[in-house]
Each structure stands twice: as C-alpha cells, then as structure tokens.
Amino acid sequence: MPGSSQRKGAIRKKPRGNPTAGSGGRVRRGLEGKGPTPKAVDRVKHPAHKRAKAAERAKDREQRGRRPARKDNDASVEWVYGRNPVVEALRAGVPASALHVAEGTERDARLREALLVAVETGVSVLEVPRTELDRVTAGGAHQGVALQIPPYEYAHPDDLLQRAYDAGEVPLIVALDGVTDPRNLGAITRSAAAFGAHGVVVPERRTASMSASAWKTSAGAAARIPVARAGNLNRALKSYKDAGLLVIGLDMNGAVDLPEFEAATEPIVLVIGSEGKGLARLVRENCDLIVSIPMTTATESLNAGIAAGVTLYEISRRRATES
C-alpha cells in the first residue's frame, strides 16, 4: 500500500478555518491576566459576602424599629436595687422607667409597698426571671427587686445654699475631696440627710458618682437631699467663703478636736477627704479650720463615710442644744 490514506475506511480530516489566517488575537487575550482578586466580601458566593449582607439587613431592621437595640447596659440606664432603696426612691418620686420583680419573690411588707407606690405613680411593673435581675445588677444583692431609673441629675453648688435660705435654716453643706468609693458617697449622703445638711458637693473628676451602688448605700437618701457637681472644687469652696460660710476640713491631724469645735452654729461647709490621702494640699489651704475626731487608739482611722457621720452628728447636736 502506498499509504494509510489509501486504506479502506480511512478518513482524511480537512483543517478548519482559513489556513492562511491568524488567531485574530484570541491566543493573546487568553494569555492576559484578569486583574487583582476581588475581596472576599465582594465575591457573591463567599461566606464573608453573605455575612456582610446579613449585617446590613439587621441594621436596617433596627433602624426601622423592627429589632430595637438592648438598653439594659446602656450608660443612660441606672438601677436602684434592694427593697429599702427601691421603696425610698419610689416614695421620693424619683422618675423611674420600670419596677422589675423577680419571679417567685416572697412578697413581704416592703415589696408590697413598692408595688403599691409603683402602681399609684404610674411606674410599670415587670415580672422577670431572677437571672435577669442578677445580670442587670451585676450580681448585686437585689433582694428580688430593682428599679430602672435615668441617670442622676446633679444640682449646682449654688442650689444647695439657696435650699438652706429658702428653708430659713443655717447652711450646712458637705463637700467631698478625693472620695472615690461610691459606697462612701452613698453613706455620706445618707448621713447628710439624717443630720440636716442641705446637700453634698462632689467634683467632676477623680471622685465617685451617684451610681446604682451609691444609690443603694444611701438607702434612698439621695432622693431626699441634692448632690451637686462642681467643675472645680476649690473654686466652689471660695464661692462659699465669699457667701459667708466657714470651710471646715476634716482630717486626723487637725488643729482642733471635734468636741472643742465652737463654730457649729455658724454656716458651714464640711470638707471630707479620702481615707488614704486625706485632704489635697490646695483644698486644705482653702479651709478656714482643720478639725479632727479624737480616738483612743492613734493607729486607728475611720473611713470617710463613718467620719462624716460622726462629725455631722456632733454639729447637729450642738446646733440643737445651742439654738
């Protein structure tokens, strides 16, 4: 046989296209790159893209009100908890959002009173799981009841002086310097209310604020006596001095013992320092007199809350007996 092409059954395939023409650029375009790889979030079938779309839909629903954001831990929400603090806050007419009562809580006289006052004042009452109260109070001793309230509204330092004048009383104001424990602030506020003070002044920085812990320690007294916030404590003390008040500092190394203090009936600003550092230097310089509480043991010291209570009691007693 001359060749396989002559074999029976063999088929000669003819080339397709124009054998004299080029590729028309197809080969060159096939060899070109396709550019940078798109980000995962931009690739439709990638999980990251699906998660991003789901987040967008959730945000859109929230803005339209279909899924309101949780506000339990929002800075705009405070909680007063414990039966006595809650009852005192409700009695004082503190603007409250809702009264939360744990399921299965025993309804003693205090809780029944809280429920009654809440209903009378139009405060919503919600029954919630105890675990929910544990969460919003950060594990505090809520005794099965918590009151949701807006942030504390501070007074102006001048308001405290006006409060005394409106009542026709000799001013007695308590100022705190470096007291950072909210429980001490609550205890001092409670003593101030108990012994006839007209308010408490705290500086804006480096001090405790009227948080839920301070509210609880005050046992509701924070609803009966104003707490003012001063941008600068020293300026506030100078303003009180210009108004005719004596600025009395309380310190364990004071020049005068409390029983020997003879100006209890005068208009007074009592300044309480921190337990560890006492009064700051500038605050001490702005005081007209430094008073100390005598103790039998020199090594012992009182915390700010107890020291304030002892001193306010003595001033109140002296005013009552000498008036």
C-alpha atoms as a PDB file:
ATOM      1  CA  MET A   1       0.000   0.000   0.000  1.00  0.00           C
ATOM      2  CA  PRO A   2       1.331   3.387  -0.852  1.00  0.00           C
ATOM      3  CA  GLY A   3      -0.024   4.883   2.432  1.00  0.00           C
ATOM      4  CA  SER A   4      -2.645   4.584   5.135  1.00  0.00           C
ATOM      5  CA  SER A   5      -4.735   7.214   3.452  1.00  0.00           C
ATOM      6  CA  GLN A   6      -5.445   4.696   0.791  1.00  0.00           C
ATOM      7  CA  ARG A   7      -6.596   2.123   3.353  1.00  0.00           C
ATOM      8  CA  LYS A   8     -10.245   1.264   3.155  1.00  0.00           C
ATOM      9  CA  GLY A   9     -12.269   3.101   5.826  1.00  0.00           C
ATOM     10  CA  ALA A  10      -9.642   5.772   6.463  1.00  0.00           C
ATOM     11  CA  ILE A  11     -10.980   9.392   6.544  1.00  0.00           C
ATOM     12  CA  ARG A  12      -8.858  12.378   5.777  1.00  0.00           C
ATOM     13  CA  LYS A  13      -9.836  15.301   8.073  1.00  0.00           C
ATOM     14  CA  LYS A  14      -9.634  18.663   6.493  1.00  0.00           C
ATOM     15  CA  PRO A  15      -8.294  21.562   8.644  1.00  0.00           C
ATOM     16  CA  ARG A  16     -10.971  24.021   9.778  1.00  0.00           C
ATOM     17  CA  GLY A  17     -10.852  27.736   9.132  1.00  0.00           C
ATOM     18  CA  ASN A  18      -8.631  29.619   6.850  1.00  0.00           C
ATOM     19  CA  PRO A  19      -5.210  28.023   6.898  1.00  0.00           C
ATOM     20  CA  THR A  20      -3.694  31.305   5.811  1.00  0.00           C
ATOM     21  CA  ALA A  21      -5.352  33.457   8.556  1.00  0.00           C
ATOM     22  CA  GLY A  22      -4.019  34.187  12.090  1.00  0.00           C
ATOM     23  CA  SER A  23      -5.727  33.632  15.510  1.00  0.00           C
ATOM     24  CA  GLY A  24      -7.275  37.046  15.488  1.00  0.00           C
ATOM     25  CA  GLY A  25      -5.826  37.829  18.934  1.00  0.00           C
ATOM     26  CA  ARG A  26      -7.631  35.023  20.713  1.00  0.00           C
ATOM     27  CA  VAL A  27      -4.423  33.428  21.924  1.00  0.00           C
ATOM     28  CA  ARG A  28      -3.013  36.749  23.093  1.00  0.00           C
ATOM     29  CA  ARG A  29      -6.168  37.644  25.038  1.00  0.00           C
ATOM     30  CA  GLY A  30      -6.216  34.226  26.643  1.00  0.00           C
ATOM     31  CA  LEU A  31      -2.734  34.784  27.994  1.00  0.00           C
ATOM     32  CA  GLU A  32      -3.576  38.160  29.551  1.00  0.00           C
ATOM     33  CA  GLY A  33      -4.217  38.380  33.342  1.00  0.00           C
ATOM     34  CA  LYS A  34      -7.694  39.035  34.834  1.00  0.00           C
ATOM     35  CA  GLY A  35      -6.600  41.708  37.352  1.00  0.00           C
ATOM     36  CA  PRO A  36      -6.441  41.571  41.171  1.00  0.00           C
ATOM     37  CA  THR A  37      -8.613  39.041  43.003  1.00  0.00           C
ATOM     38  CA  PRO A  38     -11.731  40.755  44.461  1.00  0.00           C
ATOM     39  CA  LYS A  39     -12.058  40.980  48.255  1.00  0.00           C
ATOM     40  CA  ALA A  40     -13.923  38.142  49.910  1.00  0.00           C
ATOM     41  CA  VAL A  41     -16.730  40.479  50.938  1.00  0.00           C
ATOM     42  CA  ASP A  42     -17.245  41.468  47.270  1.00  0.00           C
ATOM     43  CA  ARG A  43     -17.461  37.903  45.973  1.00  0.00           C
ATOM     44  CA  VAL A  44     -21.134  36.980  45.848  1.00  0.00           C
ATOM     45  CA  LYS A  45     -20.755  33.301  46.723  1.00  0.00           C
ATOM     46  CA  HIS A  46     -18.200  33.826  49.515  1.00  0.00           C
ATOM     47  CA  PRO A  47     -19.416  33.411  53.174  1.00  0.00           C
ATOM     48  CA  ALA A  48     -17.963  36.824  54.040  1.00  0.00           C
ATOM     49  CA  HIS A  49     -20.226  38.459  51.477  1.00  0.00           C
ATOM     50  CA  LYS A  50     -23.267  36.685  52.910  1.00  0.00           C
ATOM     51  CA  ARG A  51     -22.377  37.733  56.475  1.00  0.00           C
ATOM     52  CA  ALA A  52     -21.983  41.357  55.399  1.00  0.00           C
ATOM     53  CA  LYS A  53     -25.352  41.333  53.693  1.00  0.00           C
ATOM     54  CA  ALA A  54     -26.992  39.792  56.758  1.00  0.00           C
ATOM     55  CA  ALA A  55     -25.467  42.502  58.976  1.00  0.00           C
ATOM     56  CA  GLU A  56     -26.781  45.199  56.639  1.00  0.00           C
ATOM     57  CA  ARG A  57     -30.266  43.738  56.780  1.00  0.00           C
ATOM     58  CA  ALA A  58     -30.165  43.544  60.591  1.00  0.00           C
ATOM     59  CA  LYS A  59     -29.036  47.172  60.842  1.00  0.00           C
ATOM     60  CA  ASP A  60     -31.791  48.240  58.501  1.00  0.00           C
ATOM     61  CA  ARG A  61     -34.410  46.393  60.576  1.00  0.00           C
ATOM     62  CA  GLU A  62     -33.098  48.004  63.762  1.00  0.00           C
ATOM     63  CA  GLN A  63     -33.293  51.493  62.262  1.00  0.00           C
ATOM     64  CA  ARG A  64     -36.858  50.865  61.169  1.00  0.00           C
ATOM     65  CA  GLY A  65     -37.757  49.704  64.678  1.00  0.00           C
ATOM     66  CA  ARG A  66     -38.271  46.036  63.886  1.00  0.00           C
ATOM     67  CA  ARG A  67     -35.490  44.986  66.247  1.00  0.00           C
ATOM     68  CA  PRO A  68     -34.831  47.614  68.947  1.00  0.00           C
ATOM     69  CA  ALA A  69     -31.365  47.622  70.471  1.00  0.00           C
ATOM     70  CA  ARG A  70     -30.979  46.318  74.039  1.00  0.00           C
ATOM     71  CA  LYS A  71     -30.519  49.128  76.545  1.00  0.00           C
ATOM     72  CA  ASP A  72     -30.045  47.248  79.819  1.00  0.00           C
ATOM     73  CA  ASN A  73     -26.349  48.055  79.952  1.00  0.00           C
ATOM     74  CA  ASP A  74     -26.631  51.447  78.282  1.00  0.00           C
ATOM     75  CA  ALA A  75     -24.891  54.310  80.058  1.00  0.00           C
ATOM     76  CA  SER A  76     -28.266  56.091  80.050  1.00  0.00           C
ATOM     77  CA  VAL A  77     -29.778  53.475  82.409  1.00  0.00           C
ATOM     78  CA  GLU A  78     -29.211  53.126  86.154  1.00  0.00           C
ATOM     79  CA  TRP A  79     -30.578  50.547  88.561  1.00  0.00           C
ATOM     80  CA  VAL A  80     -31.604  51.046  92.173  1.00  0.00           C
ATOM     81  CA  TYR A  81     -31.965  47.643  93.796  1.00  0.00           C
ATOM     82  CA  GLY A  82     -32.733  46.242  97.208  1.00  0.00           C
ATOM     83  CA  ARG A  83     -36.127  46.628  98.886  1.00  0.00           C
ATOM     84  CA  ASN A  84     -35.395  49.623 101.130  1.00  0.00           C
ATOM     85  CA  PRO A  85     -33.606  51.703  98.451  1.00  0.00           C
ATOM     86  CA  VAL A  86     -36.351  50.940  95.920  1.00  0.00           C
ATOM     87  CA  VAL A  87     -39.156  51.913  98.317  1.00  0.00           C
ATOM     88  CA  GLU A  88     -37.359  55.129  99.309  1.00  0.00           C
ATOM     89  CA  ALA A  89     -36.743  56.065  95.671  1.00  0.00           C
ATOM     90  CA  LEU A  90     -40.391  55.447  94.771  1.00  0.00           C
ATOM     91  CA  ARG A  91     -41.625  57.418  97.780  1.00  0.00           C
ATOM     92  CA  ALA A  92     -39.442  60.366  96.805  1.00  0.00           C
ATOM     93  CA  GLY A  93     -40.904  60.406  93.311  1.00  0.00           C
ATOM     94  CA  VAL A  94     -37.679  59.565  91.500  1.00  0.00           C
ATOM     95  CA  PRO A  95     -38.552  59.366  87.778  1.00  0.00           C
ATOM     96  CA  ALA A  96     -38.465  55.635  87.121  1.00  0.00           C
ATOM     97  CA  SER A  97     -38.905  53.658  83.920  1.00  0.00           C
ATOM     98  CA  ALA A  98     -39.982  50.327  85.381  1.00  0.00           C
ATOM     99  CA  LEU A  99     -40.028  48.241  88.539  1.00  0.00           C
ATOM    100  CA  HIS A 100     -38.594  44.762  87.938  1.00  0.00           C
ATOM    101  CA  VAL A 101     -39.612  41.971  90.320  1.00  0.00           C
ATOM    102  CA  ALA A 102     -38.019  38.510  90.178  1.00  0.00           C
ATOM    103  CA  GLU A 103     -40.346  35.575  89.617  1.00  0.00           C
ATOM    104  CA  GLY A 104     -41.214  33.723  92.812  1.00  0.00           C
ATOM    105  CA  THR A 105     -40.037  36.507  95.149  1.00  0.00           C
ATOM    106  CA  GLU A 106     -41.683  36.437  98.569  1.00  0.00           C
ATOM    107  CA  ARG A 107     -43.886  39.484  98.898  1.00  0.00           C
ATOM    108  CA  ASP A 108     -43.178  40.947 102.315  1.00  0.00           C
ATOM    109  CA  ALA A 109     -44.401  44.347 103.545  1.00  0.00           C
ATOM    110  CA  ARG A 110     -41.616  46.284 101.815  1.00  0.00           C
ATOM    111  CA  LEU A 111     -42.161  44.657  98.442  1.00  0.00           C
ATOM    112  CA  ARG A 112     -45.919  45.127  98.688  1.00  0.00           C
ATOM    113  CA  GLU A 113     -45.344  48.790  99.454  1.00  0.00           C
ATOM    114  CA  ALA A 114     -43.029  49.118  96.453  1.00  0.00           C
ATOM    115  CA  LEU A 115     -45.651  47.559  94.199  1.00  0.00           C
ATOM    116  CA  LEU A 116     -48.391  49.783  95.608  1.00  0.00           C
ATOM    117  CA  VAL A 117     -46.407  53.012  95.187  1.00  0.00           C
ATOM    118  CA  ALA A 118     -45.317  51.991  91.687  1.00  0.00           C
ATOM    119  CA  VAL A 119     -48.933  51.416  90.627  1.00  0.00           C
ATOM    120  CA  GLU A 120     -50.082  54.679  92.216  1.00  0.00           C
ATOM    121  CA  THR A 121     -47.346  56.700  90.482  1.00  0.00           C
ATOM    122  CA  GLY A 122     -47.758  55.043  87.096  1.00  0.00           C
ATOM    123  CA  VAL A 123     -44.479  53.107  87.091  1.00  0.00           C
ATOM    124  CA  SER A 124     -44.627  49.921  85.020  1.00  0.00           C
ATOM    125  CA  VAL A 125     -44.216  46.666  86.957  1.00  0.00           C
ATOM    126  CA  LEU A 126     -42.492  43.787  85.178  1.00  0.00           C
ATOM    127  CA  GLU A 127     -42.038  40.231  86.438  1.00  0.00           C
ATOM    128  CA  VAL A 128     -38.719  38.885  85.162  1.00  0.00           C
ATOM    129  CA  PRO A 129     -36.533  35.819  85.776  1.00  0.00           C
ATOM    130  CA  ARG A 130     -34.193  36.153  88.731  1.00  0.00           C
ATOM    131  CA  THR A 131     -31.253  35.608  86.397  1.00  0.00           C
ATOM    132  CA  GLU A 132     -32.244  38.783  84.566  1.00  0.00           C
ATOM    133  CA  LEU A 133     -32.018  40.809  87.783  1.00  0.00           C
ATOM    134  CA  ASP A 134     -28.674  39.168  88.547  1.00  0.00           C
ATOM    135  CA  ARG A 135     -27.453  40.350  85.162  1.00  0.00           C
ATOM    136  CA  VAL A 136     -28.614  43.968  85.249  1.00  0.00           C
ATOM    137  CA  THR A 137     -27.386  44.456  88.836  1.00  0.00           C
ATOM    138  CA  ALA A 138     -24.068  42.725  88.118  1.00  0.00           C
ATOM    139  CA  GLY A 139     -24.757  40.114  90.785  1.00  0.00           C
ATOM    140  CA  GLY A 140     -25.705  42.642  93.463  1.00  0.00           C
ATOM    141  CA  ALA A 141     -27.931  41.856  96.454  1.00  0.00           C
ATOM    142  CA  HIS A 142     -31.139  42.995  94.776  1.00  0.00           C
ATOM    143  CA  GLN A 143     -33.484  41.018  97.082  1.00  0.00           C
ATOM    144  CA  GLY A 144     -35.683  40.239  94.100  1.00  0.00           C
ATOM    145  CA  VAL A 145     -36.489  43.827  93.136  1.00  0.00           C
ATOM    146  CA  ALA A 146     -34.822  46.542  91.054  1.00  0.00           C
ATOM    147  CA  LEU A 147     -35.941  49.951  89.834  1.00  0.00           C
ATOM    148  CA  GLN A 148     -34.805  51.197  86.435  1.00  0.00           C
ATOM    149  CA  ILE A 149     -34.120  54.932  86.555  1.00  0.00           C
ATOM    150  CA  PRO A 150     -32.493  57.589  84.344  1.00  0.00           C
ATOM    151  CA  PRO A 151     -29.019  58.945  85.227  1.00  0.00           C
ATOM    152  CA  TYR A 152     -28.765  61.079  88.352  1.00  0.00           C
ATOM    153  CA  GLU A 153     -29.376  64.778  87.756  1.00  0.00           C
ATOM    154  CA  TYR A 154     -26.796  66.784  89.689  1.00  0.00           C
ATOM    155  CA  ALA A 155     -27.610  70.149  91.206  1.00  0.00           C
ATOM    156  CA  HIS A 156     -25.410  73.255  91.013  1.00  0.00           C
ATOM    157  CA  PRO A 157     -23.372  74.109  94.150  1.00  0.00           C
ATOM    158  CA  ASP A 158     -25.265  77.408  94.477  1.00  0.00           C
ATOM    159  CA  ASP A 159     -28.557  75.481  94.629  1.00  0.00           C
ATOM    160  CA  LEU A 160     -27.560  73.958  97.969  1.00  0.00           C
ATOM    161  CA  LEU A 161     -27.046  77.360  99.533  1.00  0.00           C
ATOM    162  CA  GLN A 162     -30.359  78.579  98.167  1.00  0.00           C
ATOM    163  CA  ARG A 163     -32.066  75.487  99.580  1.00  0.00           C
ATOM    164  CA  ALA A 164     -30.909  76.447 103.089  1.00  0.00           C
ATOM    165  CA  TYR A 165     -32.026  80.057 102.683  1.00  0.00           C
ATOM    166  CA  ASP A 166     -35.433  79.010 101.340  1.00  0.00           C
ATOM    167  CA  ALA A 167     -35.917  76.841 104.440  1.00  0.00           C
ATOM    168  CA  GLY A 168     -34.803  79.660 106.738  1.00  0.00           C
ATOM    169  CA  GLU A 169     -32.008  77.492 108.137  1.00  0.00           C
ATOM    170  CA  VAL A 170     -28.312  77.949 108.799  1.00  0.00           C
ATOM    171  CA  PRO A 171     -26.477  76.377 105.821  1.00  0.00           C
ATOM    172  CA  LEU A 172     -24.681  73.083 106.327  1.00  0.00           C
ATOM    173  CA  ILE A 173     -23.068  71.654 103.193  1.00  0.00           C
ATOM    174  CA  VAL A 174     -20.806  68.627 102.805  1.00  0.00           C
ATOM    175  CA  ALA A 175     -18.059  68.649 100.171  1.00  0.00           C
ATOM    176  CA  LEU A 176     -16.028  65.590  99.176  1.00  0.00           C
ATOM    177  CA  ASP A 177     -12.389  65.677  98.115  1.00  0.00           C
ATOM    178  CA  GLY A 178     -10.962  62.502  96.574  1.00  0.00           C
ATOM    179  CA  VAL A 179     -13.697  60.139  97.806  1.00  0.00           C
ATOM    180  CA  THR A 180     -13.707  57.555  95.035  1.00  0.00           C
ATOM    181  CA  ASP A 181     -15.763  54.735  96.582  1.00  0.00           C
ATOM    182  CA  PRO A 182     -19.451  55.107  95.631  1.00  0.00           C
ATOM    183  CA  ARG A 183     -20.423  53.299  98.823  1.00  0.00           C
ATOM    184  CA  ASN A 184     -18.751  56.057 100.847  1.00  0.00           C
ATOM    185  CA  LEU A 185     -20.585  58.648  98.765  1.00  0.00           C
ATOM    186  CA  GLY A 186     -23.861  56.850  99.477  1.00  0.00           C
ATOM    187  CA  ALA A 187     -23.113  56.609 103.196  1.00  0.00           C
ATOM    188  CA  ILE A 188     -22.159  60.299 103.421  1.00  0.00           C
ATOM    189  CA  THR A 189     -25.306  61.284 101.535  1.00  0.00           C
ATOM    190  CA  ARG A 190     -27.363  59.231 103.975  1.00  0.00           C
ATOM    191  CA  SER A 191     -25.704  60.882 106.992  1.00  0.00           C
ATOM    192  CA  ALA A 192     -26.098  64.330 105.428  1.00  0.00           C
ATOM    193  CA  ALA A 193     -29.824  63.738 105.016  1.00  0.00           C
ATOM    194  CA  ALA A 194     -30.163  62.327 108.533  1.00  0.00           C
ATOM    195  CA  PHE A 195     -28.412  65.227 110.298  1.00  0.00           C
ATOM    196  CA  GLY A 196     -29.918  68.184 108.491  1.00  0.00           C
ATOM    197  CA  ALA A 197     -27.333  69.036 105.826  1.00  0.00           C
ATOM    198  CA  HIS A 198     -28.599  70.874 102.776  1.00  0.00           C
ATOM    199  CA  GLY A 199     -26.632  68.957 100.179  1.00  0.00           C
ATOM    200  CA  VAL A 200     -23.418  67.261  99.121  1.00  0.00           C
ATOM    201  CA  VAL A 201     -20.873  68.627  96.636  1.00  0.00           C
ATOM    202  CA  VAL A 202     -18.605  66.376  94.580  1.00  0.00           C
ATOM    203  CA  PRO A 203     -16.021  67.430  91.965  1.00  0.00           C
ATOM    204  CA  GLU A 204     -16.448  66.337  88.363  1.00  0.00           C
ATOM    205  CA  ARG A 205     -13.205  64.369  88.179  1.00  0.00           C
ATOM    206  CA  ARG A 206     -11.433  61.769  90.301  1.00  0.00           C
ATOM    207  CA  THR A 207     -14.421  61.141  92.543  1.00  0.00           C
ATOM    208  CA  ALA A 208     -17.297  58.748  92.985  1.00  0.00           C
ATOM    209  CA  SER A 209     -20.526  59.454  91.133  1.00  0.00           C
ATOM    210  CA  MET A 210     -24.134  58.796  92.057  1.00  0.00           C
ATOM    211  CA  SER A 211     -24.177  55.328  90.556  1.00  0.00           C
ATOM    212  CA  ALA A 212     -26.502  52.483  91.466  1.00  0.00           C
ATOM    213  CA  SER A 213     -24.057  51.423  94.189  1.00  0.00           C
ATOM    214  CA  ALA A 214     -24.168  54.887  95.780  1.00  0.00           C
ATOM    215  CA  TRP A 215     -27.957  54.921  95.492  1.00  0.00           C
ATOM    216  CA  LYS A 216     -28.191  51.566  97.264  1.00  0.00           C
ATOM    217  CA  THR A 217     -25.840  52.571 100.092  1.00  0.00           C
ATOM    218  CA  SER A 218     -27.726  55.807 100.630  1.00  0.00           C
ATOM    219  CA  ALA A 219     -30.880  53.711 101.236  1.00  0.00           C
ATOM    220  CA  GLY A 220     -32.877  56.185  99.172  1.00  0.00           C
ATOM    221  CA  ALA A 221     -31.492  59.309 100.883  1.00  0.00           C
ATOM    222  CA  ALA A 222     -30.163  60.502  97.523  1.00  0.00           C
ATOM    223  CA  ALA A 223     -33.784  61.153  96.588  1.00  0.00           C
ATOM    224  CA  ARG A 224     -34.281  63.460  99.594  1.00  0.00           C
ATOM    225  CA  ILE A 225     -31.099  65.529  99.501  1.00  0.00           C
ATOM    226  CA  PRO A 226     -29.440  67.054  96.422  1.00  0.00           C
ATOM    227  CA  VAL A 227     -25.949  66.158  95.285  1.00  0.00           C
ATOM    228  CA  ALA A 228     -24.206  68.916  93.324  1.00  0.00           C
ATOM    229  CA  ARG A 229     -21.285  68.582  90.939  1.00  0.00           C
ATOM    230  CA  ALA A 230     -18.582  71.252  90.853  1.00  0.00           C
ATOM    231  CA  GLY A 231     -16.306  71.731  87.864  1.00  0.00           C
ATOM    232  CA  ASN A 232     -13.564  72.840  90.279  1.00  0.00           C
ATOM    233  CA  LEU A 233     -13.914  72.079  93.983  1.00  0.00           C
ATOM    234  CA  ASN A 234     -11.541  74.841  95.098  1.00  0.00           C
ATOM    235  CA  ARG A 235     -13.484  77.485  93.178  1.00  0.00           C
ATOM    236  CA  ALA A 236     -16.711  76.200  94.726  1.00  0.00           C
ATOM    237  CA  LEU A 237     -15.198  76.444  98.227  1.00  0.00           C
ATOM    238  CA  LYS A 238     -14.027  80.019  97.546  1.00  0.00           C
ATOM    239  CA  SER A 239     -17.516  80.887  96.349  1.00  0.00           C
ATOM    240  CA  TYR A 240     -18.988  79.535  99.584  1.00  0.00           C
ATOM    241  CA  LYS A 241     -16.456  81.533 101.593  1.00  0.00           C
ATOM    242  CA  ASP A 242     -17.438  84.688  99.725  1.00  0.00           C
ATOM    243  CA  ALA A 243     -21.047  83.932 100.697  1.00  0.00           C
ATOM    244  CA  GLY A 244     -20.059  83.921 104.381  1.00  0.00           C
ATOM    245  CA  LEU A 245     -19.654  80.192 105.065  1.00  0.00           C
ATOM    246  CA  LEU A 246     -16.855  78.688 107.128  1.00  0.00           C
ATOM    247  CA  VAL A 247     -14.936  75.984 105.269  1.00  0.00           C
ATOM    248  CA  ILE A 248     -14.059  73.278 107.798  1.00  0.00           C
ATOM    249  CA  GLY A 249     -11.763  70.449 106.749  1.00  0.00           C
ATOM    250  CA  LEU A 250     -11.920  67.058 108.467  1.00  0.00           C
ATOM    251  CA  ASP A 251      -8.552  65.355 108.911  1.00  0.00           C
ATOM    252  CA  MET A 252      -6.997  63.072 111.507  1.00  0.00           C
ATOM    253  CA  ASN A 253      -4.182  65.608 112.001  1.00  0.00           C
ATOM    254  CA  GLY A 254      -6.473  68.580 112.553  1.00  0.00           C
ATOM    255  CA  ALA A 255      -5.591  71.540 114.737  1.00  0.00           C
ATOM    256  CA  VAL A 256      -8.837  71.317 116.756  1.00  0.00           C
ATOM    257  CA  ASP A 257     -10.578  68.262 118.180  1.00  0.00           C
ATOM    258  CA  LEU A 258     -14.252  67.939 117.245  1.00  0.00           C
ATOM    259  CA  PRO A 259     -15.561  68.336 120.865  1.00  0.00           C
ATOM    260  CA  GLU A 260     -13.701  71.653 121.074  1.00  0.00           C
ATOM    261  CA  PHE A 261     -15.082  72.990 117.820  1.00  0.00           C
ATOM    262  CA  GLU A 262     -17.080  76.077 118.805  1.00  0.00           C
ATOM    263  CA  ALA A 263     -18.480  77.252 115.479  1.00  0.00           C
ATOM    264  CA  ALA A 264     -21.066  74.503 114.954  1.00  0.00           C
ATOM    265  CA  THR A 265     -23.906  77.020 114.768  1.00  0.00           C
ATOM    266  CA  GLU A 266     -22.241  79.049 112.011  1.00  0.00           C
ATOM    267  CA  PRO A 267     -22.889  78.487 108.273  1.00  0.00           C
ATOM    268  CA  ILE A 268     -20.527  75.616 107.437  1.00  0.00           C
ATOM    269  CA  VAL A 269     -19.072  73.713 104.530  1.00  0.00           C
ATOM    270  CA  LEU A 270     -17.647  70.456 105.882  1.00  0.00           C
ATOM    271  CA  VAL A 271     -14.942  69.052 103.600  1.00  0.00           C
ATOM    272  CA  ILE A 272     -14.266  65.304 103.788  1.00  0.00           C
ATOM    273  CA  GLY A 273     -11.025  63.945 102.334  1.00  0.00           C
ATOM    274  CA  SER A 274     -10.181  60.450 101.187  1.00  0.00           C
ATOM    275  CA  GLU A 275      -9.286  57.830 103.774  1.00  0.00           C
ATOM    276  CA  GLY A 276      -5.860  57.189 102.314  1.00  0.00           C
ATOM    277  CA  LYS A 277      -4.620  60.638 101.256  1.00  0.00           C
ATOM    278  CA  GLY A 278      -6.822  62.938 103.298  1.00  0.00           C
ATOM    279  CA  LEU A 279      -7.342  66.480 102.022  1.00  0.00           C
ATOM    280  CA  ALA A 280      -5.468  67.680  98.943  1.00  0.00           C
ATOM    281  CA  ARG A 281      -2.970  70.484  99.527  1.00  0.00           C
ATOM    282  CA  LEU A 282      -4.962  73.224  97.765  1.00  0.00           C
ATOM    283  CA  VAL A 283      -8.185  72.136  99.416  1.00  0.00           C
ATOM    284  CA  ARG A 284      -6.509  72.226 102.829  1.00  0.00           C
ATOM    285  CA  GLU A 285      -5.223  75.740 102.120  1.00  0.00           C
ATOM    286  CA  ASN A 286      -8.768  76.862 101.309  1.00  0.00           C
ATOM    287  CA  CYS A 287     -10.066  75.602 104.667  1.00  0.00           C
ATOM    288  CA  ASP A 288     -10.575  78.089 107.497  1.00  0.00           C
ATOM    289  CA  LEU A 289     -10.015  75.365 110.076  1.00  0.00           C
ATOM    290  CA  ILE A 290      -8.985  71.700 110.197  1.00  0.00           C
ATOM    291  CA  VAL A 291     -10.895  69.551 112.700  1.00  0.00           C
ATOM    292  CA  SER A 292     -10.073  66.006 113.800  1.00  0.00           C
ATOM    293  CA  ILE A 293     -12.044  63.283 115.564  1.00  0.00           C
ATOM    294  CA  PRO A 294     -10.260  62.208 118.753  1.00  0.00           C
ATOM    295  CA  MET A 295      -9.802  58.449 119.114  1.00  0.00           C
ATOM    296  CA  THR A 296      -8.408  56.354 121.935  1.00  0.00           C
ATOM    297  CA  THR A 297      -6.020  54.478 119.629  1.00  0.00           C
ATOM    298  CA  ALA A 298      -3.807  56.633 117.467  1.00  0.00           C
ATOM    299  CA  THR A 299      -3.187  53.851 114.934  1.00  0.00           C
ATOM    300  CA  GLU A 300      -6.877  53.520 114.091  1.00  0.00           C
ATOM    301  CA  SER A 301      -8.597  55.544 111.388  1.00  0.00           C
ATOM    302  CA  LEU A 302     -12.178  55.963 110.233  1.00  0.00           C
ATOM    303  CA  ASN A 303     -13.296  55.702 106.648  1.00  0.00           C
ATOM    304  CA  ALA A 304     -14.816  58.753 105.003  1.00  0.00           C
ATOM    305  CA  GLY A 305     -18.406  57.626 105.492  1.00  0.00           C
ATOM    306  CA  ILE A 306     -18.098  56.976 109.228  1.00  0.00           C
ATOM    307  CA  ALA A 307     -16.039  60.122 109.852  1.00  0.00           C
ATOM    308  CA  ALA A 308     -18.631  62.242 108.078  1.00  0.00           C
ATOM    309  CA  GLY A 309     -21.448  60.651 110.079  1.00  0.00           C
ATOM    310  CA  VAL A 310     -19.723  61.282 113.428  1.00  0.00           C
ATOM    311  CA  THR A 311     -18.944  64.912 112.572  1.00  0.00           C
ATOM    312  CA  LEU A 312     -22.386  65.698 111.175  1.00  0.00           C
ATOM    313  CA  TYR A 313     -24.000  64.199 114.254  1.00  0.00           C
ATOM    314  CA  GLU A 314     -21.892  66.398 116.539  1.00  0.00           C
ATOM    315  CA  ILE A 315     -22.693  69.549 114.541  1.00  0.00           C
ATOM    316  CA  SER A 316     -26.400  68.659 114.532  1.00  0.00           C
ATOM    317  CA  ARG A 317     -26.367  68.008 118.298  1.00  0.00           C
ATOM    318  CA  ARG A 318     -24.589  71.280 119.033  1.00  0.00           C
ATOM    319  CA  ARG A 319     -26.995  73.236 116.844  1.00  0.00           C
ATOM    320  CA  ALA A 320     -29.977  71.658 118.584  1.00  0.00           C
ATOM    321  CA  THR A 321     -28.697  72.415 122.104  1.00  0.00           C
ATOM    322  CA  GLU A 322     -27.384  75.917 121.388  1.00  0.00           C
ATOM    323  CA  SER A 323     -30.274  77.219 119.329  1.00  0.00           C
END
